[in-house]
Amino acid sequence: MKRGSRRFAGLAALAAIGVLALAGAAVASRPADPVPQRHVVEIRGMAFHPEVLEVRRGDTVVWINRDIVPHTATATRKSGWDTGTLLQGKSGQYVASHKGEDPYFCKLHPVMLGKLIVR
């Protein structure tokens, strides 16, 4: 290999290493996406516990019916999610996908109200 060619190859290798180092630094400096969490809402005493729950988009909310009568957790807004009828001891879930306040209720007992706040 000629002297000029080796010099060019060495400079190209150094440039490539520099580009890779900068790319790695850019990836490392970005904050990691939060890991989706699982939240539990208990249905007991004809109420949702907690009544208001703050979650992040991508989190899973699980409703567990601890009452002896069936219940639902049903969105009142366009998001349209519904756990279906939950018998005693059964659960239903929803993965939060829409940011904002998302009120819900029990279709079988409309006085039971809850709210998800999705960040």
PDB file of N, CA and C in Angstrom:
ATOM      1  N   MET A   1       0.847  -1.159   0.000  1.00  0.00           N
ATOM      2  CA  MET A   1       0.000   0.000   0.000  1.00  0.00           C
ATOM      3  C   MET A   1       0.896   1.226   0.000  1.00  0.00           C
ATOM      4  N   LYS A   2       0.560   2.200  -0.790  1.00  0.00           N
ATOM      5  CA  LYS A   2       1.354   3.418  -0.873  1.00  0.00           C
ATOM      6  C   LYS A   2       1.181   4.231   0.391  1.00  0.00           C
ATOM      7  N   ARG A   3       2.179   5.100   0.637  1.00  0.00           N
ATOM      8  CA  ARG A   3       2.186   5.910   1.846  1.00  0.00           C
ATOM      9  C   ARG A   3       0.947   6.791   1.932  1.00  0.00           C
ATOM     10  N   GLY A   4       0.511   7.421   0.883  1.00  0.00           N
ATOM     11  CA  GLY A   4      -0.673   8.286   0.885  1.00  0.00           C
ATOM     12  C   GLY A   4      -1.947   7.507   1.143  1.00  0.00           C
ATOM     13  N   SER A   5      -2.006   6.291   0.615  1.00  0.00           N
ATOM     14  CA  SER A   5      -3.194   5.461   0.812  1.00  0.00           C
ATOM     15  C   SER A   5      -3.318   5.032   2.268  1.00  0.00           C
ATOM     16  N   ARG A   6      -2.171   4.699   2.900  1.00  0.00           N
ATOM     17  CA  ARG A   6      -2.209   4.291   4.317  1.00  0.00           C
ATOM     18  C   ARG A   6      -2.631   5.460   5.193  1.00  0.00           C
ATOM     19  N   ARG A   7      -2.149   6.620   4.853  1.00  0.00           N
ATOM     20  CA  ARG A   7      -2.496   7.822   5.627  1.00  0.00           C
ATOM     21  C   ARG A   7      -3.994   8.081   5.502  1.00  0.00           C
ATOM     22  N   PHE A   8      -4.529   7.974   4.278  1.00  0.00           N
ATOM     23  CA  PHE A   8      -5.963   8.190   4.067  1.00  0.00           C
ATOM     24  C   PHE A   8      -6.780   7.141   4.828  1.00  0.00           C
ATOM     25  N   ALA A   9      -6.335   5.885   4.793  1.00  0.00           N
ATOM     26  CA  ALA A   9      -7.044   4.813   5.494  1.00  0.00           C
ATOM     27  C   ALA A   9      -7.028   5.069   6.996  1.00  0.00           C
ATOM     28  N   GLY A  10      -5.916   5.545   7.523  1.00  0.00           N
ATOM     29  CA  GLY A  10      -5.824   5.845   8.960  1.00  0.00           C
ATOM     30  C   GLY A  10      -6.756   6.985   9.348  1.00  0.00           C
ATOM     31  N   LEU A  11      -6.809   8.029   8.524  1.00  0.00           N
ATOM     32  CA  LEU A  11      -7.701   9.161   8.803  1.00  0.00           C
ATOM     33  C   LEU A  11      -9.164   8.733   8.710  1.00  0.00           C
ATOM     34  N   ALA A  12      -9.481   7.891   7.755  1.00  0.00           N
ATOM     35  CA  ALA A  12     -10.854   7.408   7.605  1.00  0.00           C
ATOM     36  C   ALA A  12     -11.255   6.575   8.825  1.00  0.00           C
ATOM     37  N   ALA A  13     -10.335   5.760   9.321  1.00  0.00           N
ATOM     38  CA  ALA A  13     -10.627   4.944  10.504  1.00  0.00           C
ATOM     39  C   ALA A  13     -10.851   5.834  11.712  1.00  0.00           C
ATOM     40  N   LEU A  14     -10.034   6.855  11.888  1.00  0.00           N
ATOM     41  CA  LEU A  14     -10.214   7.790  13.009  1.00  0.00           C
ATOM     42  C   LEU A  14     -11.546   8.527  12.904  1.00  0.00           C
ATOM     43  N   ALA A  15     -11.904   8.936  11.708  1.00  0.00           N
ATOM     44  CA  ALA A  15     -13.176   9.633  11.506  1.00  0.00           C
ATOM     45  C   ALA A  15     -14.341   8.715  11.849  1.00  0.00           C
ATOM     46  N   ALA A  16     -14.243   7.465  11.432  1.00  0.00           N
ATOM     47  CA  ALA A  16     -15.314   6.510  11.733  1.00  0.00           C
ATOM     48  C   ALA A  16     -15.444   6.296  13.231  1.00  0.00           C
ATOM     49  N   ILE A  17     -14.336   6.184  13.942  1.00  0.00           N
ATOM     50  CA  ILE A  17     -14.368   6.015  15.397  1.00  0.00           C
ATOM     51  C   ILE A  17     -15.008   7.239  16.052  1.00  0.00           C
ATOM     52  N   GLY A  18     -14.657   8.426  15.556  1.00  0.00           N
ATOM     53  CA  GLY A  18     -15.241   9.659  16.098  1.00  0.00           C
ATOM     54  C   GLY A  18     -16.751   9.711  15.899  1.00  0.00           C
ATOM     55  N   VAL A  19     -17.211   9.320  14.733  1.00  0.00           N
ATOM     56  CA  VAL A  19     -18.656   9.320  14.454  1.00  0.00           C
ATOM     57  C   VAL A  19     -19.367   8.340  15.370  1.00  0.00           C
ATOM     58  N   LEU A  20     -18.800   7.146  15.540  1.00  0.00           N
ATOM     59  CA  LEU A  20     -19.410   6.150  16.420  1.00  0.00           C
ATOM     60  C   LEU A  20     -19.435   6.631  17.869  1.00  0.00           C
ATOM     61  N   ALA A  21     -18.378   7.303  18.308  1.00  0.00           N
ATOM     62  CA  ALA A  21     -18.340   7.817  19.681  1.00  0.00           C
ATOM     63  C   ALA A  21     -19.412   8.885  19.888  1.00  0.00           C
ATOM     64  N   LEU A  22     -19.576   9.773  18.913  1.00  0.00           N
ATOM     65  CA  LEU A  22     -20.613  10.800  19.029  1.00  0.00           C
ATOM     66  C   LEU A  22     -21.998  10.186  19.019  1.00  0.00           C
ATOM     67  N   ALA A  23     -22.215   9.197  18.185  1.00  0.00           N
ATOM     68  CA  ALA A  23     -23.524   8.537  18.132  1.00  0.00           C
ATOM     69  C   ALA A  23     -23.822   7.841  19.453  1.00  0.00           C
ATOM     70  N   GLY A  24     -22.837   7.202  20.021  1.00  0.00           N
ATOM     71  CA  GLY A  24     -23.019   6.536  21.308  1.00  0.00           C
ATOM     72  C   GLY A  24     -23.318   7.527  22.410  1.00  0.00           C
ATOM     73  N   ALA A  25     -22.652   8.676  22.396  1.00  0.00           N
ATOM     74  CA  ALA A  25     -22.902   9.706  23.405  1.00  0.00           C
ATOM     75  C   ALA A  25     -24.311  10.259  23.266  1.00  0.00           C
ATOM     76  N   ALA A  26     -24.783  10.426  22.056  1.00  0.00           N
ATOM     77  CA  ALA A  26     -26.138  10.945  21.841  1.00  0.00           C
ATOM     78  C   ALA A  26     -27.173   9.962  22.370  1.00  0.00           C
ATOM     79  N   VAL A  27     -26.967   8.683  22.134  1.00  0.00           N
ATOM     80  CA  VAL A  27     -27.906   7.673  22.625  1.00  0.00           C
ATOM     81  C   VAL A  27     -27.850   7.610  24.140  1.00  0.00           C
ATOM     82  N   ALA A  28     -26.665   7.655  24.713  1.00  0.00           N
ATOM     83  CA  ALA A  28     -26.511   7.557  26.159  1.00  0.00           C
ATOM     84  C   ALA A  28     -27.084   8.763  26.881  1.00  0.00           C
ATOM     85  N   SER A  29     -27.104   9.930  26.242  1.00  0.00           N
ATOM     86  CA  SER A  29     -27.568  11.129  26.930  1.00  0.00           C
ATOM     87  C   SER A  29     -29.086  11.269  26.920  1.00  0.00           C
ATOM     88  N   ARG A  30     -29.795  10.488  26.098  1.00  0.00           N
ATOM     89  CA  ARG A  30     -31.257  10.550  26.082  1.00  0.00           C
ATOM     90  C   ARG A  30     -31.802   9.867  27.324  1.00  0.00           C
ATOM     91  N   PRO A  31     -32.822  10.468  27.957  1.00  0.00           N
ATOM     92  CA  PRO A  31     -33.404   9.791  29.118  1.00  0.00           C
ATOM     93  C   PRO A  31     -34.126   8.524  28.674  1.00  0.00           C
ATOM     94  N   ALA A  32     -34.055   7.518  29.494  1.00  0.00           N
ATOM     95  CA  ALA A  32     -34.718   6.252  29.176  1.00  0.00           C
ATOM     96  C   ALA A  32     -36.226   6.428  29.301  1.00  0.00           C
ATOM     97  N   ASP A  33     -36.963   5.757  28.418  1.00  0.00           N
ATOM     98  CA  ASP A  33     -38.410   5.776  28.528  1.00  0.00           C
ATOM     99  C   ASP A  33     -38.798   5.081  29.823  1.00  0.00           C
ATOM    100  N   PRO A  34     -39.801   5.649  30.535  1.00  0.00           N
ATOM    101  CA  PRO A  34     -40.205   4.988  31.769  1.00  0.00           C
ATOM    102  C   PRO A  34     -40.787   3.602  31.490  1.00  0.00           C
ATOM    103  N   VAL A  35     -40.521   2.699  32.383  1.00  0.00           N
ATOM    104  CA  VAL A  35     -41.039   1.342  32.261  1.00  0.00           C
ATOM    105  C   VAL A  35     -42.521   1.374  32.624  1.00  0.00           C
ATOM    106  N   PRO A  36     -43.400   0.817  31.788  1.00  0.00           N
ATOM    107  CA  PRO A  36     -44.826   0.810  32.119  1.00  0.00           C
ATOM    108  C   PRO A  36     -45.077   0.148  33.472  1.00  0.00           C
ATOM    109  N   GLN A  37     -45.975   0.744  34.228  1.00  0.00           N
ATOM    110  CA  GLN A  37     -46.305   0.256  35.562  1.00  0.00           C
ATOM    111  C   GLN A  37     -47.666  -0.439  35.555  1.00  0.00           C
ATOM    112  N   ARG A  38     -47.928  -1.198  36.593  1.00  0.00           N
ATOM    113  CA  ARG A  38     -49.217  -1.852  36.797  1.00  0.00           C
ATOM    114  C   ARG A  38     -49.839  -1.232  38.041  1.00  0.00           C
ATOM    115  N   HIS A  39     -51.073  -0.775  37.922  1.00  0.00           N
ATOM    116  CA  HIS A  39     -51.798  -0.152  39.027  1.00  0.00           C
ATOM    117  C   HIS A  39     -53.048  -0.963  39.305  1.00  0.00           C
ATOM    118  N   VAL A  40     -53.417  -1.073  40.576  1.00  0.00           N
ATOM    119  CA  VAL A  40     -54.600  -1.838  40.954  1.00  0.00           C
ATOM    120  C   VAL A  40     -55.636  -0.903  41.571  1.00  0.00           C
ATOM    121  N   VAL A  41     -56.874  -1.031  41.095  1.00  0.00           N
ATOM    122  CA  VAL A  41     -58.015  -0.346  41.685  1.00  0.00           C
ATOM    123  C   VAL A  41     -58.922  -1.433  42.237  1.00  0.00           C
ATOM    124  N   GLU A  42     -59.175  -1.379  43.535  1.00  0.00           N
ATOM    125  CA  GLU A  42     -60.090  -2.348  44.140  1.00  0.00           C
ATOM    126  C   GLU A  42     -61.500  -1.789  44.114  1.00  0.00           C
ATOM    127  N   ILE A  43     -62.445  -2.653  43.799  1.00  0.00           N
ATOM    128  CA  ILE A  43     -63.860  -2.292  43.856  1.00  0.00           C
ATOM    129  C   ILE A  43     -64.387  -2.954  45.121  1.00  0.00           C
ATOM    130  N   ARG A  44     -64.704  -2.123  46.115  1.00  0.00           N
ATOM    131  CA  ARG A  44     -65.228  -2.642  47.376  1.00  0.00           C
ATOM    132  C   ARG A  44     -66.107  -1.595  48.038  1.00  0.00           C
ATOM    133  N   GLY A  45     -67.118  -2.056  48.731  1.00  0.00           N
ATOM    134  CA  GLY A  45     -68.030  -1.128  49.390  1.00  0.00           C
ATOM    135  C   GLY A  45     -68.747  -0.224  48.409  1.00  0.00           C
ATOM    136  N   MET A  46     -69.013  -0.761  47.213  1.00  0.00           N
ATOM    137  CA  MET A  46     -69.711  -0.002  46.159  1.00  0.00           C
ATOM    138  C   MET A  46     -68.940   1.270  45.765  1.00  0.00           C
ATOM    139  N   ALA A  47     -67.604   1.173  45.732  1.00  0.00           N
ATOM    140  CA  ALA A  47     -66.764   2.321  45.354  1.00  0.00           C
ATOM    141  C   ALA A  47     -65.451   1.818  44.751  1.00  0.00           C
ATOM    142  N   PHE A  48     -64.807   2.697  43.985  1.00  0.00           N
ATOM    143  CA  PHE A  48     -63.485   2.416  43.420  1.00  0.00           C
ATOM    144  C   PHE A  48     -62.434   2.946  44.394  1.00  0.00           C
ATOM    145  N   HIS A  49     -61.412   2.125  44.698  1.00  0.00           N
ATOM    146  CA  HIS A  49     -60.341   2.523  45.616  1.00  0.00           C
ATOM    147  C   HIS A  49     -59.002   2.314  44.943  1.00  0.00           C
ATOM    148  N   PRO A  50     -58.237   3.369  44.581  1.00  0.00           N
ATOM    149  CA  PRO A  50     -58.567   4.772  44.808  1.00  0.00           C
ATOM    150  C   PRO A  50     -59.600   5.265  43.791  1.00  0.00           C
ATOM    151  N   GLU A  51     -60.285   6.315  44.170  1.00  0.00           N
ATOM    152  CA  GLU A  51     -61.304   6.902  43.284  1.00  0.00           C
ATOM    153  C   GLU A  51     -60.651   7.642  42.117  1.00  0.00           C
ATOM    154  N   VAL A  52     -59.514   8.292  42.393  1.00  0.00           N
ATOM    155  CA  VAL A  52     -58.745   9.005  41.364  1.00  0.00           C
ATOM    156  C   VAL A  52     -57.358   8.389  41.322  1.00  0.00           C
ATOM    157  N   LEU A  53     -56.900   8.059  40.121  1.00  0.00           N
ATOM    158  CA  LEU A  53     -55.598   7.423  39.947  1.00  0.00           C
ATOM    159  C   LEU A  53     -54.847   8.120  38.828  1.00  0.00           C
ATOM    160  N   GLU A  54     -53.607   8.509  39.107  1.00  0.00           N
ATOM    161  CA  GLU A  54     -52.759   9.132  38.089  1.00  0.00           C
ATOM    162  C   GLU A  54     -51.793   8.091  37.545  1.00  0.00           C
ATOM    163  N   VAL A  55     -51.763   7.954  36.212  1.00  0.00           N
ATOM    164  CA  VAL A  55     -50.920   6.961  35.546  1.00  0.00           C
ATOM    165  C   VAL A  55     -50.223   7.623  34.357  1.00  0.00           C
ATOM    166  N   ARG A  56     -49.304   6.900  33.752  1.00  0.00           N
ATOM    167  CA  ARG A  56     -48.651   7.351  32.521  1.00  0.00           C
ATOM    168  C   ARG A  56     -49.215   6.566  31.352  1.00  0.00           C
ATOM    169  N   ARG A  57     -49.123   7.176  30.174  1.00  0.00           N
ATOM    170  CA  ARG A  57     -49.522   6.441  28.977  1.00  0.00           C
ATOM    171  C   ARG A  57     -48.705   5.169  28.895  1.00  0.00           C
ATOM    172  N   GLY A  58     -49.378   4.069  28.604  1.00  0.00           N
ATOM    173  CA  GLY A  58     -48.699   2.775  28.537  1.00  0.00           C
ATOM    174  C   GLY A  58     -48.816   1.962  29.812  1.00  0.00           C
ATOM    175  N   ASP A  59     -49.204   2.597  30.932  1.00  0.00           N
ATOM    176  CA  ASP A  59     -49.404   1.864  32.184  1.00  0.00           C
ATOM    177  C   ASP A  59     -50.666   1.005  32.080  1.00  0.00           C
ATOM    178  N   THR A  60     -50.692  -0.065  32.828  1.00  0.00           N
ATOM    179  CA  THR A  60     -51.856  -0.940  32.886  1.00  0.00           C
ATOM    180  C   THR A  60     -52.595  -0.701  34.194  1.00  0.00           C
ATOM    181  N   VAL A  61     -53.906  -0.517  34.088  1.00  0.00           N
ATOM    182  CA  VAL A  61     -54.756  -0.380  35.270  1.00  0.00           C
ATOM    183  C   VAL A  61     -55.600  -1.648  35.366  1.00  0.00           C
ATOM    184  N   VAL A  62     -55.590  -2.267  36.543  1.00  0.00           N
ATOM    185  CA  VAL A  62     -56.336  -3.493  36.782  1.00  0.00           C
ATOM    186  C   VAL A  62     -57.389  -3.204  37.854  1.00  0.00           C
ATOM    187  N   TRP A  63     -58.649  -3.504  37.538  1.00  0.00           N
ATOM    188  CA  TRP A  63     -59.738  -3.372  38.509  1.00  0.00           C
ATOM    189  C   TRP A  63     -60.054  -4.766  39.027  1.00  0.00           C
ATOM    190  N   ILE A  64     -60.106  -4.919  40.354  1.00  0.00           N
ATOM    191  CA  ILE A  64     -60.445  -6.193  40.979  1.00  0.00           C
ATOM    192  C   ILE A  64     -61.721  -5.990  41.792  1.00  0.00           C
ATOM    193  N   ASN A  65     -62.730  -6.806  41.511  1.00  0.00           N
ATOM    194  CA  ASN A  65     -64.001  -6.702  42.216  1.00  0.00           C
ATOM    195  C   ASN A  65     -63.930  -7.472  43.536  1.00  0.00           C
ATOM    196  N   ARG A  66     -63.966  -6.749  44.653  1.00  0.00           N
ATOM    197  CA  ARG A  66     -63.961  -7.350  45.992  1.00  0.00           C
ATOM    198  C   ARG A  66     -65.369  -7.388  46.600  1.00  0.00           C
ATOM    199  N   ASP A  67     -66.357  -6.861  45.874  1.00  0.00           N
ATOM    200  CA  ASP A  67     -67.746  -6.881  46.340  1.00  0.00           C
ATOM    201  C   ASP A  67     -68.409  -8.202  45.971  1.00  0.00           C
ATOM    202  N   ILE A  68     -69.555  -8.474  46.600  1.00  0.00           N
ATOM    203  CA  ILE A  68     -70.281  -9.705  46.276  1.00  0.00           C
ATOM    204  C   ILE A  68     -71.177  -9.532  45.058  1.00  0.00           C
ATOM    205  N   VAL A  69     -71.388  -8.281  44.644  1.00  0.00           N
ATOM    206  CA  VAL A  69     -72.219  -8.018  43.460  1.00  0.00           C
ATOM    207  C   VAL A  69     -71.324  -7.684  42.275  1.00  0.00           C
ATOM    208  N   PRO A  70     -71.784  -7.907  41.041  1.00  0.00           N
ATOM    209  CA  PRO A  70     -70.969  -7.592  39.859  1.00  0.00           C
ATOM    210  C   PRO A  70     -70.839  -6.087  39.648  1.00  0.00           C
ATOM    211  N   HIS A  71     -69.744  -5.704  38.995  1.00  0.00           N
ATOM    212  CA  HIS A  71     -69.472  -4.303  38.667  1.00  0.00           C
ATOM    213  C   HIS A  71     -68.786  -4.228  37.307  1.00  0.00           C
ATOM    214  N   THR A  72     -68.711  -3.009  36.775  1.00  0.00           N
ATOM    215  CA  THR A  72     -67.887  -2.715  35.601  1.00  0.00           C
ATOM    216  C   THR A  72     -67.053  -1.481  35.912  1.00  0.00           C
ATOM    217  N   ALA A  73     -66.048  -1.257  35.125  1.00  0.00           N
ATOM    218  CA  ALA A  73     -65.349   0.025  35.066  1.00  0.00           C
ATOM    219  C   ALA A  73     -65.433   0.404  33.589  1.00  0.00           C
ATOM    220  N   THR A  74     -66.167   1.485  33.304  1.00  0.00           N
ATOM    221  CA  THR A  74     -66.493   1.838  31.929  1.00  0.00           C
ATOM    222  C   THR A  74     -66.206   3.314  31.682  1.00  0.00           C
ATOM    223  N   ALA A  75     -65.420   3.602  30.659  1.00  0.00           N
ATOM    224  CA  ALA A  75     -65.075   4.989  30.336  1.00  0.00           C
ATOM    225  C   ALA A  75     -66.317   5.775  29.944  1.00  0.00           C
ATOM    226  N   THR A  76     -66.347   7.050  30.337  1.00  0.00           N
ATOM    227  CA  THR A  76     -67.471   7.915  29.951  1.00  0.00           C
ATOM    228  C   THR A  76     -67.121   8.759  28.731  1.00  0.00           C
ATOM    229  N   ARG A  77     -65.867   8.700  28.284  1.00  0.00           N
ATOM    230  CA  ARG A  77     -65.432   9.510  27.148  1.00  0.00           C
ATOM    231  C   ARG A  77     -65.189   8.658  25.925  1.00  0.00           C
ATOM    232  N   LYS A  78     -64.677   9.294  24.889  1.00  0.00           N
ATOM    233  CA  LYS A  78     -64.470   8.641  23.592  1.00  0.00           C
ATOM    234  C   LYS A  78     -63.501   7.464  23.629  1.00  0.00           C
ATOM    235  N   SER A  79     -62.631   7.407  24.634  1.00  0.00           N
ATOM    236  CA  SER A  79     -61.669   6.299  24.665  1.00  0.00           C
ATOM    237  C   SER A  79     -62.389   4.953  24.657  1.00  0.00           C
ATOM    238  N   GLY A  80     -63.588   4.902  25.246  1.00  0.00           N
ATOM    239  CA  GLY A  80     -64.481   3.767  25.084  1.00  0.00           C
ATOM    240  C   GLY A  80     -64.085   2.462  25.750  1.00  0.00           C
ATOM    241  N   TRP A  81     -63.126   2.447  26.636  1.00  0.00           N
ATOM    242  CA  TRP A  81     -62.742   1.179  27.244  1.00  0.00           C
ATOM    243  C   TRP A  81     -63.788   0.733  28.263  1.00  0.00           C
ATOM    244  N   ASP A  82     -63.828  -0.573  28.490  1.00  0.00           N
ATOM    245  CA  ASP A  82     -64.796  -1.168  29.413  1.00  0.00           C
ATOM    246  C   ASP A  82     -64.231  -2.504  29.877  1.00  0.00           C
ATOM    247  N   THR A  83     -64.237  -2.734  31.166  1.00  0.00           N
ATOM    248  CA  THR A  83     -63.716  -3.997  31.692  1.00  0.00           C
ATOM    249  C   THR A  83     -64.666  -5.158  31.456  1.00  0.00           C
ATOM    250  N   GLY A  84     -65.915  -4.843  31.086  1.00  0.00           N
ATOM    251  CA  GLY A  84     -66.935  -5.878  31.047  1.00  0.00           C
ATOM    252  C   GLY A  84     -67.412  -6.131  32.463  1.00  0.00           C
ATOM    253  N   THR A  85     -68.378  -6.998  32.609  1.00  0.00           N
ATOM    254  CA  THR A  85     -68.927  -7.286  33.934  1.00  0.00           C
ATOM    255  C   THR A  85     -67.946  -8.140  34.719  1.00  0.00           C
ATOM    256  N   LEU A  86     -67.606  -7.652  35.908  1.00  0.00           N
ATOM    257  CA  LEU A  86     -66.655  -8.346  36.776  1.00  0.00           C
ATOM    258  C   LEU A  86     -67.410  -8.952  37.953  1.00  0.00           C
ATOM    259  N   LEU A  87     -67.430 -10.261  38.038  1.00  0.00           N
ATOM    260  CA  LEU A  87     -68.038 -10.941  39.173  1.00  0.00           C
ATOM    261  C   LEU A  87     -67.079 -10.875  40.364  1.00  0.00           C
ATOM    262  N   GLN A  88     -67.556 -11.241  41.529  1.00  0.00           N
ATOM    263  CA  GLN A  88     -66.730 -11.202  42.730  1.00  0.00           C
ATOM    264  C   GLN A  88     -65.407 -11.944  42.509  1.00  0.00           C
ATOM    265  N   GLY A  89     -64.312 -11.268  42.854  1.00  0.00           N
ATOM    266  CA  GLY A  89     -62.979 -11.854  42.735  1.00  0.00           C
ATOM    267  C   GLY A  89     -62.372 -11.782  41.349  1.00  0.00           C
ATOM    268  N   LYS A  90     -63.118 -11.340  40.357  1.00  0.00           N
ATOM    269  CA  LYS A  90     -62.610 -11.262  38.985  1.00  0.00           C
ATOM    270  C   LYS A  90     -61.990  -9.887  38.727  1.00  0.00           C
ATOM    271  N   SER A  91     -61.207  -9.806  37.667  1.00  0.00           N
ATOM    272  CA  SER A  91     -60.532  -8.548  37.339  1.00  0.00           C
ATOM    273  C   SER A  91     -60.635  -8.247  35.852  1.00  0.00           C
ATOM    274  N   GLY A  92     -60.455  -6.997  35.532  1.00  0.00           N
ATOM    275  CA  GLY A  92     -60.399  -6.523  34.151  1.00  0.00           C
ATOM    276  C   GLY A  92     -59.327  -5.462  34.072  1.00  0.00           C
ATOM    277  N   GLN A  93     -58.808  -5.220  32.888  1.00  0.00           N
ATOM    278  CA  GLN A  93     -57.721  -4.246  32.779  1.00  0.00           C
ATOM    279  C   GLN A  93     -57.842  -3.371  31.556  1.00  0.00           C
ATOM    280  N   TYR A  94     -57.076  -2.290  31.586  1.00  0.00           N
ATOM    281  CA  TYR A  94     -57.021  -1.319  30.499  1.00  0.00           C
ATOM    282  C   TYR A  94     -55.606  -0.763  30.455  1.00  0.00           C
ATOM    283  N   VAL A  95     -55.030  -0.637  29.267  1.00  0.00           N
ATOM    284  CA  VAL A  95     -53.728   0.007  29.090  1.00  0.00           C
ATOM    285  C   VAL A  95     -54.003   1.452  28.699  1.00  0.00           C
ATOM    286  N   ALA A  96     -53.567   2.382  29.534  1.00  0.00           N
ATOM    287  CA  ALA A  96     -53.839   3.809  29.327  1.00  0.00           C
ATOM    288  C   ALA A  96     -53.190   4.274  28.031  1.00  0.00           C
ATOM    289  N   SER A  97     -54.010   4.814  27.132  1.00  0.00           N
ATOM    290  CA  SER A  97     -53.483   5.193  25.821  1.00  0.00           C
ATOM    291  C   SER A  97     -53.770   6.641  25.441  1.00  0.00           C
ATOM    292  N   HIS A  98     -54.682   7.302  26.142  1.00  0.00           N
ATOM    293  CA  HIS A  98     -55.048   8.684  25.801  1.00  0.00           C
ATOM    294  C   HIS A  98     -54.686   9.603  26.958  1.00  0.00           C
ATOM    295  N   LYS A  99     -53.886  10.627  26.672  1.00  0.00           N
ATOM    296  CA  LYS A  99     -53.523  11.585  27.722  1.00  0.00           C
ATOM    297  C   LYS A  99     -54.734  12.406  28.140  1.00  0.00           C
ATOM    298  N   GLY A 100     -54.729  12.816  29.393  1.00  0.00           N
ATOM    299  CA  GLY A 100     -55.791  13.664  29.916  1.00  0.00           C
ATOM    300  C   GLY A 100     -56.610  12.944  30.970  1.00  0.00           C
ATOM    301  N   GLU A 101     -57.687  13.587  31.375  1.00  0.00           N
ATOM    302  CA  GLU A 101     -58.576  13.002  32.371  1.00  0.00           C
ATOM    303  C   GLU A 101     -59.538  12.040  31.691  1.00  0.00           C
ATOM    304  N   ASP A 102     -59.714  10.901  32.295  1.00  0.00           N
ATOM    305  CA  ASP A 102     -60.558   9.858  31.722  1.00  0.00           C
ATOM    306  C   ASP A 102     -61.509   9.349  32.815  1.00  0.00           C
ATOM    307  N   PRO A 103     -62.650  10.034  32.992  1.00  0.00           N
ATOM    308  CA  PRO A 103     -63.606   9.581  34.008  1.00  0.00           C
ATOM    309  C   PRO A 103     -64.234   8.252  33.623  1.00  0.00           C
ATOM    310  N   TYR A 104     -64.633   7.492  34.639  1.00  0.00           N
ATOM    311  CA  TYR A 104     -65.301   6.219  34.391  1.00  0.00           C
ATOM    312  C   TYR A 104     -66.345   5.968  35.467  1.00  0.00           C
ATOM    313  N   PHE A 105     -67.183   4.946  35.246  1.00  0.00           N
ATOM    314  CA  PHE A 105     -68.249   4.628  36.172  1.00  0.00           C
ATOM    315  C   PHE A 105     -68.565   3.139  36.070  1.00  0.00           C
ATOM    316  N   CYS A 106     -69.460   2.676  36.929  1.00  0.00           N
ATOM    317  CA  CYS A 106     -69.955   1.307  36.858  1.00  0.00           C
ATOM    318  C   CYS A 106     -71.292   1.344  36.141  1.00  0.00           C
ATOM    319  N   LYS A 107     -71.402   0.632  35.027  1.00  0.00           N
ATOM    320  CA  LYS A 107     -72.665   0.615  34.269  1.00  0.00           C
ATOM    321  C   LYS A 107     -73.810   0.017  35.083  1.00  0.00           C
ATOM    322  N   LEU A 108     -73.506  -0.861  35.998  1.00  0.00           N
ATOM    323  CA  LEU A 108     -74.539  -1.504  36.802  1.00  0.00           C
ATOM    324  C   LEU A 108     -74.953  -0.659  38.013  1.00  0.00           C
ATOM    325  N   HIS A 109     -74.074   0.256  38.428  1.00  0.00           N
ATOM    326  CA  HIS A 109     -74.316   1.125  39.585  1.00  0.00           C
ATOM    327  C   HIS A 109     -73.761   2.515  39.234  1.00  0.00           C
ATOM    328  N   PRO A 110     -74.501   3.305  38.446  1.00  0.00           N
ATOM    329  CA  PRO A 110     -73.975   4.564  37.896  1.00  0.00           C
ATOM    330  C   PRO A 110     -73.558   5.621  38.921  1.00  0.00           C
ATOM    331  N   VAL A 111     -73.875   5.407  40.190  1.00  0.00           N
ATOM    332  CA  VAL A 111     -73.406   6.353  41.212  1.00  0.00           C
ATOM    333  C   VAL A 111     -71.944   6.106  41.569  1.00  0.00           C
ATOM    334  N   MET A 112     -71.415   4.968  41.146  1.00  0.00           N
ATOM    335  CA  MET A 112     -69.994   4.663  41.392  1.00  0.00           C
ATOM    336  C   MET A 112     -69.159   5.347  40.317  1.00  0.00           C
ATOM    337  N   LEU A 113     -68.308   6.288  40.757  1.00  0.00           N
ATOM    338  CA  LEU A 113     -67.515   7.082  39.819  1.00  0.00           C
ATOM    339  C   LEU A 113     -66.037   6.973  40.160  1.00  0.00           C
ATOM    340  N   GLY A 114     -65.215   7.025  39.128  1.00  0.00           N
ATOM    341  CA  GLY A 114     -63.768   7.056  39.289  1.00  0.00           C
ATOM    342  C   GLY A 114     -63.154   7.914  38.196  1.00  0.00           C
ATOM    343  N   LYS A 115     -61.858   8.170  38.319  1.00  0.00           N
ATOM    344  CA  LYS A 115     -61.199   8.974  37.281  1.00  0.00           C
ATOM    345  C   LYS A 115     -59.742   8.539  37.149  1.00  0.00           C
ATOM    346  N   LEU A 116     -59.332   8.328  35.890  1.00  0.00           N
ATOM    347  CA  LEU A 116     -57.916   8.140  35.558  1.00  0.00           C
ATOM    348  C   LEU A 116     -57.394   9.473  35.056  1.00  0.00           C
ATOM    349  N   ILE A 117     -56.214   9.828  35.499  1.00  0.00           N
ATOM    350  CA  ILE A 117     -55.520  10.995  34.946  1.00  0.00           C
ATOM    351  C   ILE A 117     -54.274  10.435  34.274  1.00  0.00           C
ATOM    352  N   VAL A 118     -54.247  10.545  32.963  1.00  0.00           N
ATOM    353  CA  VAL A 118     -53.172   9.937  32.177  1.00  0.00           C
ATOM    354  C   VAL A 118     -52.206  11.018  31.724  1.00  0.00           C
ATOM    355  N   ARG A 119     -50.952  10.884  32.131  1.00  0.00           N
ATOM    356  CA  ARG A 119     -49.882  11.854  31.789  1.00  0.00           C
ATOM    357  C   ARG A 119     -49.140  11.395  30.569  1.00  0.00           C
TER     358      ARG A 119
END
